[in-house]
């Protein structure tokens, strides 16, 4: 098992919206690969929404409700991207040698 400071934050929530963590000594295991795939989908969705936002904001005829819905989607995507960044940041920190 990994040490507590090496737990991986997973890209989904548990019961009651609480964060889920993975403790494993196999970073290439099934759950790690599943988490990697979910993160890839989340990042891809964020990239697509960013492109849509650029186009919508450049469109002077964009409807306010469309922009509002896009804002909600971007908010969710940003939350996912921040979660991925936190998770990967923890992985990078855990993998770095300790400085004395």
C-alpha atoms as a PDB file:
ATOM      1  CA  UNK A   1       0.000   0.000   0.000  1.00  0.00           C
ATOM      2  CA  UNK A   2       1.054   3.591  -0.495  1.00  0.00           C
ATOM      3  CA  UNK A   3       1.747   5.945   2.359  1.00  0.00           C
ATOM      4  CA  UNK A   4      -1.119   8.305   3.295  1.00  0.00           C
ATOM      5  CA  UNK A   5       0.607  11.226   1.561  1.00  0.00           C
ATOM      6  CA  UNK A   6       0.646   9.214  -1.668  1.00  0.00           C
ATOM      7  CA  UNK A   7      -3.093   8.659  -1.932  1.00  0.00           C
ATOM      8  CA  UNK A   8      -4.507   9.513  -5.326  1.00  0.00           C
ATOM      9  CA  UNK A   9      -7.528  11.775  -5.487  1.00  0.00           C
ATOM     10  CA  UNK A  10      -9.940  10.082  -7.869  1.00  0.00           C
ATOM     11  CA  UNK A  11     -11.940  12.051 -10.462  1.00  0.00           C
ATOM     12  CA  UNK A  12     -15.312  11.102  -8.968  1.00  0.00           C
ATOM     13  CA  UNK A  13     -17.065  11.582  -5.661  1.00  0.00           C
ATOM     14  CA  UNK A  14     -18.181   9.057  -3.122  1.00  0.00           C
ATOM     15  CA  UNK A  15     -21.282   8.992  -0.984  1.00  0.00           C
ATOM     16  CA  UNK A  16     -22.563  12.419   0.000  1.00  0.00           C
ATOM     17  CA  UNK A  17     -20.190  14.057  -2.503  1.00  0.00           C
ATOM     18  CA  UNK A  18     -17.097  13.288  -0.461  1.00  0.00           C
ATOM     19  CA  UNK A  19     -13.767  12.844  -2.279  1.00  0.00           C
ATOM     20  CA  UNK A  20     -12.544   9.350  -3.121  1.00  0.00           C
ATOM     21  CA  UNK A  21      -8.913   8.321  -2.823  1.00  0.00           C
ATOM     22  CA  UNK A  22      -6.979   5.363  -4.140  1.00  0.00           C
ATOM     23  CA  UNK A  23      -4.259   3.644  -2.181  1.00  0.00           C
ATOM     24  CA  UNK A  24      -2.314   1.161  -4.250  1.00  0.00           C
ATOM     25  CA  UNK A  25       1.191  -0.029  -4.873  1.00  0.00           C
ATOM     26  CA  UNK A  26       0.359  -0.565  -8.574  1.00  0.00           C
ATOM     27  CA  UNK A  27       0.056   2.774 -10.435  1.00  0.00           C
ATOM     28  CA  UNK A  28      -0.773   0.798 -13.605  1.00  0.00           C
ATOM     29  CA  UNK A  29      -3.599  -1.156 -11.980  1.00  0.00           C
ATOM     30  CA  UNK A  30      -7.225  -1.229 -13.105  1.00  0.00           C
ATOM     31  CA  UNK A  31      -8.440   1.607 -10.851  1.00  0.00           C
ATOM     32  CA  UNK A  32      -5.489   3.834 -11.755  1.00  0.00           C
ATOM     33  CA  UNK A  33      -6.112   3.278 -15.470  1.00  0.00           C
ATOM     34  CA  UNK A  34      -9.845   3.902 -14.991  1.00  0.00           C
ATOM     35  CA  UNK A  35      -9.085   7.170 -13.196  1.00  0.00           C
ATOM     36  CA  UNK A  36      -6.649   8.155 -15.965  1.00  0.00           C
ATOM     37  CA  UNK A  37      -9.340   7.513 -18.600  1.00  0.00           C
ATOM     38  CA  UNK A  38     -11.982   9.503 -16.701  1.00  0.00           C
ATOM     39  CA  UNK A  39      -9.531  12.385 -16.291  1.00  0.00           C
ATOM     40  CA  UNK A  40      -8.749  12.302 -20.022  1.00  0.00           C
ATOM     41  CA  UNK A  41     -12.464  12.557 -20.826  1.00  0.00           C
ATOM     42  CA  UNK A  42     -12.863  15.436 -18.359  1.00  0.00           C
ATOM     43  CA  UNK A  43      -9.939  17.338 -19.876  1.00  0.00           C
ATOM     44  CA  UNK A  44     -11.231  16.708 -23.397  1.00  0.00           C
ATOM     45  CA  UNK A  45     -14.668  18.003 -22.454  1.00  0.00           C
ATOM     46  CA  UNK A  46     -13.117  21.124 -20.938  1.00  0.00           C
ATOM     47  CA  UNK A  47     -11.141  21.762 -24.140  1.00  0.00           C
ATOM     48  CA  UNK A  48     -14.297  21.419 -26.257  1.00  0.00           C
ATOM     49  CA  UNK A  49     -16.229  23.768 -23.970  1.00  0.00           C
ATOM     50  CA  UNK A  50     -13.421  26.312 -24.112  1.00  0.00           C
ATOM     51  CA  UNK A  51     -13.592  26.300 -27.905  1.00  0.00           C
ATOM     52  CA  UNK A  52     -17.379  26.686 -27.778  1.00  0.00           C
ATOM     53  CA  UNK A  53     -17.026  29.572 -25.314  1.00  0.00           C
ATOM     54  CA  UNK A  54     -14.568  31.381 -27.584  1.00  0.00           C
ATOM     55  CA  UNK A  55     -16.964  31.070 -30.505  1.00  0.00           C
ATOM     56  CA  UNK A  56     -20.033  32.046 -28.473  1.00  0.00           C
ATOM     57  CA  UNK A  57     -18.398  35.098 -26.950  1.00  0.00           C
ATOM     58  CA  UNK A  58     -17.342  36.279 -30.402  1.00  0.00           C
ATOM     59  CA  UNK A  59     -20.942  35.896 -31.647  1.00  0.00           C
ATOM     60  CA  UNK A  60     -22.786  39.164 -31.057  1.00  0.00           C
ATOM     61  CA  UNK A  61     -26.084  37.363 -31.700  1.00  0.00           C
ATOM     62  CA  UNK A  62     -25.565  34.729 -29.008  1.00  0.00           C
ATOM     63  CA  UNK A  63     -28.663  34.284 -26.873  1.00  0.00           C
ATOM     64  CA  UNK A  64     -28.309  35.040 -23.155  1.00  0.00           C
ATOM     65  CA  UNK A  65     -29.734  31.630 -22.197  1.00  0.00           C
ATOM     66  CA  UNK A  66     -27.129  29.906 -24.379  1.00  0.00           C
ATOM     67  CA  UNK A  67     -24.353  31.886 -22.700  1.00  0.00           C
ATOM     68  CA  UNK A  68     -25.794  31.087 -19.270  1.00  0.00           C
ATOM     69  CA  UNK A  69     -25.945  27.357 -20.048  1.00  0.00           C
ATOM     70  CA  UNK A  70     -22.403  27.512 -21.408  1.00  0.00           C
ATOM     71  CA  UNK A  71     -21.310  29.249 -18.200  1.00  0.00           C
ATOM     72  CA  UNK A  72     -22.803  26.420 -16.132  1.00  0.00           C
ATOM     73  CA  UNK A  73     -21.067  23.808 -18.293  1.00  0.00           C
ATOM     74  CA  UNK A  74     -17.755  25.679 -18.054  1.00  0.00           C
ATOM     75  CA  UNK A  75     -18.108  25.876 -14.274  1.00  0.00           C
ATOM     76  CA  UNK A  76     -18.506  22.094 -14.058  1.00  0.00           C
ATOM     77  CA  UNK A  77     -15.597  21.535 -16.433  1.00  0.00           C
ATOM     78  CA  UNK A  78     -13.370  23.906 -14.461  1.00  0.00           C
ATOM     79  CA  UNK A  79     -14.210  22.023 -11.267  1.00  0.00           C
ATOM     80  CA  UNK A  80     -13.169  18.762 -12.971  1.00  0.00           C
ATOM     81  CA  UNK A  81      -9.949  20.278 -14.352  1.00  0.00           C
ATOM     82  CA  UNK A  82      -9.007  21.641 -10.930  1.00  0.00           C
ATOM     83  CA  UNK A  83      -9.612  18.208  -9.427  1.00  0.00           C
ATOM     84  CA  UNK A  84      -7.324  16.645 -12.044  1.00  0.00           C
ATOM     85  CA  UNK A  85      -4.681  19.297 -11.347  1.00  0.00           C
ATOM     86  CA  UNK A  86      -4.865  18.675  -7.599  1.00  0.00           C
ATOM     87  CA  UNK A  87      -4.681  14.917  -8.102  1.00  0.00           C
ATOM     88  CA  UNK A  88      -1.753  15.111 -10.472  1.00  0.00           C
ATOM     89  CA  UNK A  89      -0.058  17.687  -8.281  1.00  0.00           C
ATOM     90  CA  UNK A  90      -0.254  15.289  -5.350  1.00  0.00           C
ATOM     91  CA  UNK A  91       1.165  12.528  -7.522  1.00  0.00           C
ATOM     92  CA  UNK A  92       4.051  14.754  -8.575  1.00  0.00           C
ATOM     93  CA  UNK A  93       4.730  15.777  -4.988  1.00  0.00           C
ATOM     94  CA  UNK A  94       4.585  12.189  -3.768  1.00  0.00           C
ATOM     95  CA  UNK A  95       7.016  11.079  -6.469  1.00  0.00           C
ATOM     96  CA  UNK A  96       9.612  13.775  -5.751  1.00  0.00           C
ATOM     97  CA  UNK A  97      12.537  12.945  -3.497  1.00  0.00           C
ATOM     98  CA  UNK A  98      12.309  14.410  -0.036  1.00  0.00           C
ATOM     99  CA  UNK A  99      14.536  17.413   0.583  1.00  0.00           C
ATOM    100  CA  UNK A 100      16.392  17.493   3.854  1.00  0.00           C
END
